[in-house]
Amino acid sequence: MRIEVKRDLCIGAGACLAVAPDVYVLDDEMKAVVTNPKGADDNAILESAKACPTLAIYIYDDDGKQVFPIVG
């Protein structure tokens, strides 16, 4: 699983940190940054992406297919 935070969409709400605090931090610009992609199980990481109010967190499976947000 790969986690990508789209910085142009992130507003620093911190919802991702509330769900998966060992995965993300807010940087100096108050943007979420992935610091430990293995800091939570896959379900918690998916839930952290769903919690983002701007859908700034994209999740990809091991084959590189986007699994969140759902496309299509």
PDB file of N, CA and C in Angstrom:
ATOM      1  N   MET A   1       0.850  -1.180   0.000  1.00  0.00           N
ATOM      2  CA  MET A   1       0.000   0.000   0.000  1.00  0.00           C
ATOM      3  C   MET A   1       0.888   1.233   0.000  1.00  0.00           C
ATOM      4  N   ARG A   2       0.490   2.193  -0.829  1.00  0.00           N
ATOM      5  CA  ARG A   2       1.204   3.467  -0.891  1.00  0.00           C
ATOM      6  C   ARG A   2       0.226   4.582  -0.543  1.00  0.00           C
ATOM      7  N   ILE A   3       0.701   5.536   0.255  1.00  0.00           N
ATOM      8  CA  ILE A   3      -0.102   6.671   0.690  1.00  0.00           C
ATOM      9  C   ILE A   3       0.506   7.926   0.084  1.00  0.00           C
ATOM     10  N   GLU A   4      -0.341   8.747  -0.518  1.00  0.00           N
ATOM     11  CA  GLU A   4       0.133  10.006  -1.088  1.00  0.00           C
ATOM     12  C   GLU A   4      -0.784  11.131  -0.614  1.00  0.00           C
ATOM     13  N   VAL A   5      -0.191  12.170  -0.055  1.00  0.00           N
ATOM     14  CA  VAL A   5      -0.950  13.354   0.343  1.00  0.00           C
ATOM     15  C   VAL A   5      -0.791  14.403  -0.751  1.00  0.00           C
ATOM     16  N   LYS A   6      -1.900  14.832  -1.319  1.00  0.00           N
ATOM     17  CA  LYS A   6      -1.885  15.882  -2.338  1.00  0.00           C
ATOM     18  C   LYS A   6      -1.815  17.221  -1.606  1.00  0.00           C
ATOM     19  N   ARG A   7      -0.642  17.816  -1.588  1.00  0.00           N
ATOM     20  CA  ARG A   7      -0.404  19.030  -0.802  1.00  0.00           C
ATOM     21  C   ARG A   7      -1.310  20.176  -1.219  1.00  0.00           C
ATOM     22  N   ASP A   8      -1.655  20.244  -2.504  1.00  0.00           N
ATOM     23  CA  ASP A   8      -2.506  21.342  -2.955  1.00  0.00           C
ATOM     24  C   ASP A   8      -3.937  21.204  -2.447  1.00  0.00           C
ATOM     25  N   LEU A   9      -4.315  20.014  -2.007  1.00  0.00           N
ATOM     26  CA  LEU A   9      -5.656  19.788  -1.465  1.00  0.00           C
ATOM     27  C   LEU A   9      -5.696  19.819   0.063  1.00  0.00           C
ATOM     28  N   CYS A  10      -4.572  19.542   0.698  1.00  0.00           N
ATOM     29  CA  CYS A  10      -4.524  19.450   2.157  1.00  0.00           C
ATOM     30  C   CYS A  10      -4.734  20.824   2.795  1.00  0.00           C
ATOM     31  N   ILE A  11      -5.648  20.880   3.779  1.00  0.00           N
ATOM     32  CA  ILE A  11      -5.902  22.129   4.500  1.00  0.00           C
ATOM     33  C   ILE A  11      -5.435  22.055   5.952  1.00  0.00           C
ATOM     34  N   GLY A  12      -4.792  20.953   6.313  1.00  0.00           N
ATOM     35  CA  GLY A  12      -4.251  20.822   7.663  1.00  0.00           C
ATOM     36  C   GLY A  12      -5.292  20.594   8.736  1.00  0.00           C
ATOM     37  N   ALA A  13      -6.422  20.009   8.381  1.00  0.00           N
ATOM     38  CA  ALA A  13      -7.487  19.767   9.353  1.00  0.00           C
ATOM     39  C   ALA A  13      -7.050  18.781  10.440  1.00  0.00           C
ATOM     40  N   GLY A  14      -6.164  17.871  10.099  1.00  0.00           N
ATOM     41  CA  GLY A  14      -5.639  16.932  11.083  1.00  0.00           C
ATOM     42  C   GLY A  14      -6.493  15.706  11.322  1.00  0.00           C
ATOM     43  N   ALA A  15      -7.530  15.511  10.543  1.00  0.00           N
ATOM     44  CA  ALA A  15      -8.384  14.325  10.729  1.00  0.00           C
ATOM     45  C   ALA A  15      -7.590  13.048  10.515  1.00  0.00           C
ATOM     46  N   CYS A  16      -6.659  13.067   9.577  1.00  0.00           N
ATOM     47  CA  CYS A  16      -5.835  11.881   9.330  1.00  0.00           C
ATOM     48  C   CYS A  16      -5.003  11.529  10.560  1.00  0.00           C
ATOM     49  N   LEU A  17      -4.484  12.553  11.236  1.00  0.00           N
ATOM     50  CA  LEU A  17      -3.695  12.322  12.439  1.00  0.00           C
ATOM     51  C   LEU A  17      -4.541  11.752  13.571  1.00  0.00           C
ATOM     52  N   ALA A  18      -5.792  12.175  13.637  1.00  0.00           N
ATOM     53  CA  ALA A  18      -6.688  11.667  14.674  1.00  0.00           C
ATOM     54  C   ALA A  18      -6.940  10.175  14.496  1.00  0.00           C
ATOM     55  N   VAL A  19      -6.991   9.725  13.253  1.00  0.00           N
ATOM     56  CA  VAL A  19      -7.277   8.313  12.971  1.00  0.00           C
ATOM     57  C   VAL A  19      -6.006   7.466  12.977  1.00  0.00           C
ATOM     58  N   ALA A  20      -4.927   7.997  12.435  1.00  0.00           N
ATOM     59  CA  ALA A  20      -3.668   7.244  12.322  1.00  0.00           C
ATOM     60  C   ALA A  20      -2.488   8.127  12.739  1.00  0.00           C
ATOM     61  N   PRO A  21      -2.374   8.413  14.029  1.00  0.00           N
ATOM     62  CA  PRO A  21      -1.369   9.375  14.491  1.00  0.00           C
ATOM     63  C   PRO A  21       0.080   8.941  14.290  1.00  0.00           C
ATOM     64  N   ASP A  22       0.320   7.656  14.105  1.00  0.00           N
ATOM     65  CA  ASP A  22       1.692   7.191  13.905  1.00  0.00           C
ATOM     66  C   ASP A  22       2.093   7.182  12.431  1.00  0.00           C
ATOM     67  N   VAL A  23       1.188   7.608  11.559  1.00  0.00           N
ATOM     68  CA  VAL A  23       1.455   7.609  10.125  1.00  0.00           C
ATOM     69  C   VAL A  23       1.790   9.011   9.614  1.00  0.00           C
ATOM     70  N   TYR A  24       1.116  10.026  10.150  1.00  0.00           N
ATOM     71  CA  TYR A  24       1.208  11.386   9.623  1.00  0.00           C
ATOM     72  C   TYR A  24       1.716  12.372  10.665  1.00  0.00           C
ATOM     73  N   VAL A  25       2.263  13.469  10.172  1.00  0.00           N
ATOM     74  CA  VAL A  25       2.539  14.659  10.980  1.00  0.00           C
ATOM     75  C   VAL A  25       2.124  15.861  10.139  1.00  0.00           C
ATOM     76  N   LEU A  26       1.933  17.001  10.793  1.00  0.00           N
ATOM     77  CA  LEU A  26       1.732  18.256  10.067  1.00  0.00           C
ATOM     78  C   LEU A  26       3.074  18.967  10.003  1.00  0.00           C
ATOM     79  N   ASP A  27       3.442  19.415   8.801  1.00  0.00           N
ATOM     80  CA  ASP A  27       4.718  20.092   8.645  1.00  0.00           C
ATOM     81  C   ASP A  27       4.589  21.583   8.981  1.00  0.00           C
ATOM     82  N   ASP A  28       5.625  22.350   8.694  1.00  0.00           N
ATOM     83  CA  ASP A  28       5.652  23.783   9.010  1.00  0.00           C
ATOM     84  C   ASP A  28       4.575  24.580   8.286  1.00  0.00           C
ATOM     85  N   GLU A  29       4.083  24.049   7.165  1.00  0.00           N
ATOM     86  CA  GLU A  29       3.025  24.713   6.405  1.00  0.00           C
ATOM     87  C   GLU A  29       1.639  24.188   6.781  1.00  0.00           C
ATOM     88  N   MET A  30       1.592  23.387   7.851  1.00  0.00           N
ATOM     89  CA  MET A  30       0.351  22.767   8.329  1.00  0.00           C
ATOM     90  C   MET A  30      -0.270  21.855   7.257  1.00  0.00           C
ATOM     91  N   LYS A  31       0.581  21.137   6.567  1.00  0.00           N
ATOM     92  CA  LYS A  31       0.170  20.143   5.582  1.00  0.00           C
ATOM     93  C   LYS A  31       0.544  18.779   6.114  1.00  0.00           C
ATOM     94  N   ALA A  32      -0.330  17.791   5.889  1.00  0.00           N
ATOM     95  CA  ALA A  32      -0.049  16.432   6.333  1.00  0.00           C
ATOM     96  C   ALA A  32       1.075  15.834   5.500  1.00  0.00           C
ATOM     97  N   VAL A  33       1.959  15.122   6.186  1.00  0.00           N
ATOM     98  CA  VAL A  33       3.074  14.430   5.554  1.00  0.00           C
ATOM     99  C   VAL A  33       3.105  13.014   6.115  1.00  0.00           C
ATOM    100  N   VAL A  34       3.297  12.051   5.242  1.00  0.00           N
ATOM    101  CA  VAL A  34       3.426  10.656   5.668  1.00  0.00           C
ATOM    102  C   VAL A  34       4.854  10.457   6.168  1.00  0.00           C
ATOM    103  N   THR A  35       4.976  10.087   7.437  1.00  0.00           N
ATOM    104  CA  THR A  35       6.296   9.849   8.005  1.00  0.00           C
ATOM    105  C   THR A  35       6.543   8.372   8.278  1.00  0.00           C
ATOM    106  N   ASN A  36       5.459   7.607   8.419  1.00  0.00           N
ATOM    107  CA  ASN A  36       5.593   6.187   8.734  1.00  0.00           C
ATOM    108  C   ASN A  36       4.440   5.423   8.082  1.00  0.00           C
ATOM    109  N   PRO A  37       4.580   5.035   6.822  1.00  0.00           N
ATOM    110  CA  PRO A  37       3.481   4.367   6.123  1.00  0.00           C
ATOM    111  C   PRO A  37       3.093   3.024   6.724  1.00  0.00           C
ATOM    112  N   LYS A  38       3.932   2.485   7.581  1.00  0.00           N
ATOM    113  CA  LYS A  38       3.621   1.216   8.256  1.00  0.00           C
ATOM    114  C   LYS A  38       3.175   1.453   9.698  1.00  0.00           C
ATOM    115  N   GLY A  39       2.827   2.710  10.031  1.00  0.00           N
ATOM    116  CA  GLY A  39       2.477   3.065  11.400  1.00  0.00           C
ATOM    117  C   GLY A  39       1.075   2.667  11.825  1.00  0.00           C
ATOM    118  N   ALA A  40       0.310   2.074  10.925  1.00  0.00           N
ATOM    119  CA  ALA A  40      -1.044   1.616  11.238  1.00  0.00           C
ATOM    120  C   ALA A  40      -1.396   0.503  10.262  1.00  0.00           C
ATOM    121  N   ASP A  41      -2.423  -0.259  10.603  1.00  0.00           N
ATOM    122  CA  ASP A  41      -2.841  -1.305   9.675  1.00  0.00           C
ATOM    123  C   ASP A  41      -3.556  -0.685   8.477  1.00  0.00           C
ATOM    124  N   ASP A  42      -3.725  -1.489   7.444  1.00  0.00           N
ATOM    125  CA  ASP A  42      -4.303  -0.986   6.198  1.00  0.00           C
ATOM    126  C   ASP A  42      -5.684  -0.382   6.396  1.00  0.00           C
ATOM    127  N   ASN A  43      -6.490  -0.977   7.259  1.00  0.00           N
ATOM    128  CA  ASN A  43      -7.834  -0.458   7.503  1.00  0.00           C
ATOM    129  C   ASN A  43      -7.778   0.939   8.128  1.00  0.00           C
ATOM    130  N   ALA A  44      -6.911   1.143   9.099  1.00  0.00           N
ATOM    131  CA  ALA A  44      -6.784   2.458   9.731  1.00  0.00           C
ATOM    132  C   ALA A  44      -6.277   3.500   8.736  1.00  0.00           C
ATOM    133  N   ILE A  45      -5.378   3.098   7.859  1.00  0.00           N
ATOM    134  CA  ILE A  45      -4.873   4.036   6.857  1.00  0.00           C
ATOM    135  C   ILE A  45      -5.986   4.427   5.894  1.00  0.00           C
ATOM    136  N   LEU A  46      -6.778   3.461   5.470  1.00  0.00           N
ATOM    137  CA  LEU A  46      -7.910   3.765   4.591  1.00  0.00           C
ATOM    138  C   LEU A  46      -8.899   4.684   5.301  1.00  0.00           C
ATOM    139  N   GLU A  47      -9.172   4.419   6.557  1.00  0.00           N
ATOM    140  CA  GLU A  47     -10.091   5.267   7.333  1.00  0.00           C
ATOM    141  C   GLU A  47      -9.530   6.677   7.502  1.00  0.00           C
ATOM    142  N   SER A  48      -8.210   6.787   7.642  1.00  0.00           N
ATOM    143  CA  SER A  48      -7.607   8.124   7.758  1.00  0.00           C
ATOM    144  C   SER A  48      -7.803   8.915   6.476  1.00  0.00           C
ATOM    145  N   ALA A  49      -7.713   8.241   5.333  1.00  0.00           N
ATOM    146  CA  ALA A  49      -7.946   8.911   4.054  1.00  0.00           C
ATOM    147  C   ALA A  49      -9.409   9.327   3.927  1.00  0.00           C
ATOM    148  N   LYS A  50     -10.311   8.469   4.346  1.00  0.00           N
ATOM    149  CA  LYS A  50     -11.739   8.782   4.283  1.00  0.00           C
ATOM    150  C   LYS A  50     -12.101   9.935   5.210  1.00  0.00           C
ATOM    151  N   ALA A  51     -11.344  10.110   6.290  1.00  0.00           N
ATOM    152  CA  ALA A  51     -11.628  11.172   7.257  1.00  0.00           C
ATOM    153  C   ALA A  51     -11.227  12.550   6.757  1.00  0.00           C
ATOM    154  N   CYS A  52     -10.382  12.600   5.732  1.00  0.00           N
ATOM    155  CA  CYS A  52      -9.908  13.883   5.216  1.00  0.00           C
ATOM    156  C   CYS A  52     -11.060  14.650   4.566  1.00  0.00           C
ATOM    157  N   PRO A  53     -11.331  15.859   5.036  1.00  0.00           N
ATOM    158  CA  PRO A  53     -12.470  16.617   4.502  1.00  0.00           C
ATOM    159  C   PRO A  53     -12.292  17.069   3.052  1.00  0.00           C
ATOM    160  N   THR A  54     -11.063  17.105   2.554  1.00  0.00           N
ATOM    161  CA  THR A  54     -10.828  17.534   1.176  1.00  0.00           C
ATOM    162  C   THR A  54     -10.384  16.392   0.262  1.00  0.00           C
ATOM    163  N   LEU A  55     -10.404  15.171   0.787  1.00  0.00           N
ATOM    164  CA  LEU A  55      -9.956  13.995   0.030  1.00  0.00           C
ATOM    165  C   LEU A  55      -8.556  14.191  -0.538  1.00  0.00           C
ATOM    166  N   ALA A  56      -7.672  14.694   0.299  1.00  0.00           N
ATOM    167  CA  ALA A  56      -6.299  14.972  -0.112  1.00  0.00           C
ATOM    168  C   ALA A  56      -5.392  13.750  -0.011  1.00  0.00           C
ATOM    169  N   ILE A  57      -5.883  12.667   0.578  1.00  0.00           N
ATOM    170  CA  ILE A  57      -5.056  11.482   0.770  1.00  0.00           C
ATOM    171  C   ILE A  57      -5.488  10.413  -0.223  1.00  0.00           C
ATOM    172  N   TYR A  58      -4.539  10.014  -1.039  1.00  0.00           N
ATOM    173  CA  TYR A  58      -4.778   8.982  -2.047  1.00  0.00           C
ATOM    174  C   TYR A  58      -4.097   7.699  -1.596  1.00  0.00           C
ATOM    175  N   ILE A  59      -4.798   6.592  -1.756  1.00  0.00           N
ATOM    176  CA  ILE A  59      -4.286   5.283  -1.368  1.00  0.00           C
ATOM    177  C   ILE A  59      -4.179   4.417  -2.620  1.00  0.00           C
ATOM    178  N   TYR A  60      -3.045   3.757  -2.765  1.00  0.00           N
ATOM    179  CA  TYR A  60      -2.792   2.865  -3.890  1.00  0.00           C
ATOM    180  C   TYR A  60      -2.452   1.476  -3.357  1.00  0.00           C
ATOM    181  N   ASP A  61      -2.935   0.440  -4.053  1.00  0.00           N
ATOM    182  CA  ASP A  61      -2.596  -0.913  -3.626  1.00  0.00           C
ATOM    183  C   ASP A  61      -1.182  -1.259  -4.080  1.00  0.00           C
ATOM    184  N   ASP A  62      -0.742  -2.469  -3.773  1.00  0.00           N
ATOM    185  CA  ASP A  62       0.629  -2.872  -4.074  1.00  0.00           C
ATOM    186  C   ASP A  62       0.911  -2.951  -5.573  1.00  0.00           C
ATOM    187  N   ASP A  63      -0.132  -3.028  -6.384  1.00  0.00           N
ATOM    188  CA  ASP A  63       0.033  -3.045  -7.838  1.00  0.00           C
ATOM    189  C   ASP A  63      -0.013  -1.636  -8.434  1.00  0.00           C
ATOM    190  N   GLY A  64      -0.180  -0.617  -7.582  1.00  0.00           N
ATOM    191  CA  GLY A  64      -0.227   0.761  -8.050  1.00  0.00           C
ATOM    192  C   GLY A  64      -1.609   1.250  -8.426  1.00  0.00           C
ATOM    193  N   LYS A  65      -2.627   0.418  -8.223  1.00  0.00           N
ATOM    194  CA  LYS A  65      -4.003   0.809  -8.544  1.00  0.00           C
ATOM    195  C   LYS A  65      -4.548   1.708  -7.434  1.00  0.00           C
ATOM    196  N   GLN A  66      -5.145   2.832  -7.838  1.00  0.00           N
ATOM    197  CA  GLN A  66      -5.740   3.740  -6.861  1.00  0.00           C
ATOM    198  C   GLN A  66      -6.980   3.088  -6.258  1.00  0.00           C
ATOM    199  N   VAL A  67      -7.004   2.989  -4.922  1.00  0.00           N
ATOM    200  CA  VAL A  67      -8.152   2.397  -4.238  1.00  0.00           C
ATOM    201  C   VAL A  67      -8.979   3.431  -3.469  1.00  0.00           C
ATOM    202  N   PHE A  68      -8.390   4.608  -3.248  1.00  0.00           N
ATOM    203  CA  PHE A  68      -9.127   5.704  -2.624  1.00  0.00           C
ATOM    204  C   PHE A  68      -8.459   7.019  -2.993  1.00  0.00           C
ATOM    205  N   PRO A  69      -9.219   8.045  -3.318  1.00  0.00           N
ATOM    206  CA  PRO A  69     -10.652   8.017  -3.573  1.00  0.00           C
ATOM    207  C   PRO A  69     -10.959   7.139  -4.796  1.00  0.00           C
ATOM    208  N   ILE A  70     -12.144   6.591  -4.797  1.00  0.00           N
ATOM    209  CA  ILE A  70     -12.560   5.711  -5.875  1.00  0.00           C
ATOM    210  C   ILE A  70     -12.674   6.520  -7.165  1.00  0.00           C
ATOM    211  N   VAL A  71     -12.084   6.002  -8.206  1.00  0.00           N
ATOM    212  CA  VAL A  71     -12.163   6.653  -9.521  1.00  0.00           C
ATOM    213  C   VAL A  71     -13.087   5.852 -10.420  1.00  0.00           C
ATOM    214  N   GLY A  72     -13.760   6.577 -11.271  1.00  0.00           N
ATOM    215  CA  GLY A  72     -14.439   5.861 -12.257  1.00  0.00           C
ATOM    216  C   GLY A  72     -15.839   5.888 -12.446  1.00  0.00           C
TER     217      GLY A  72
END
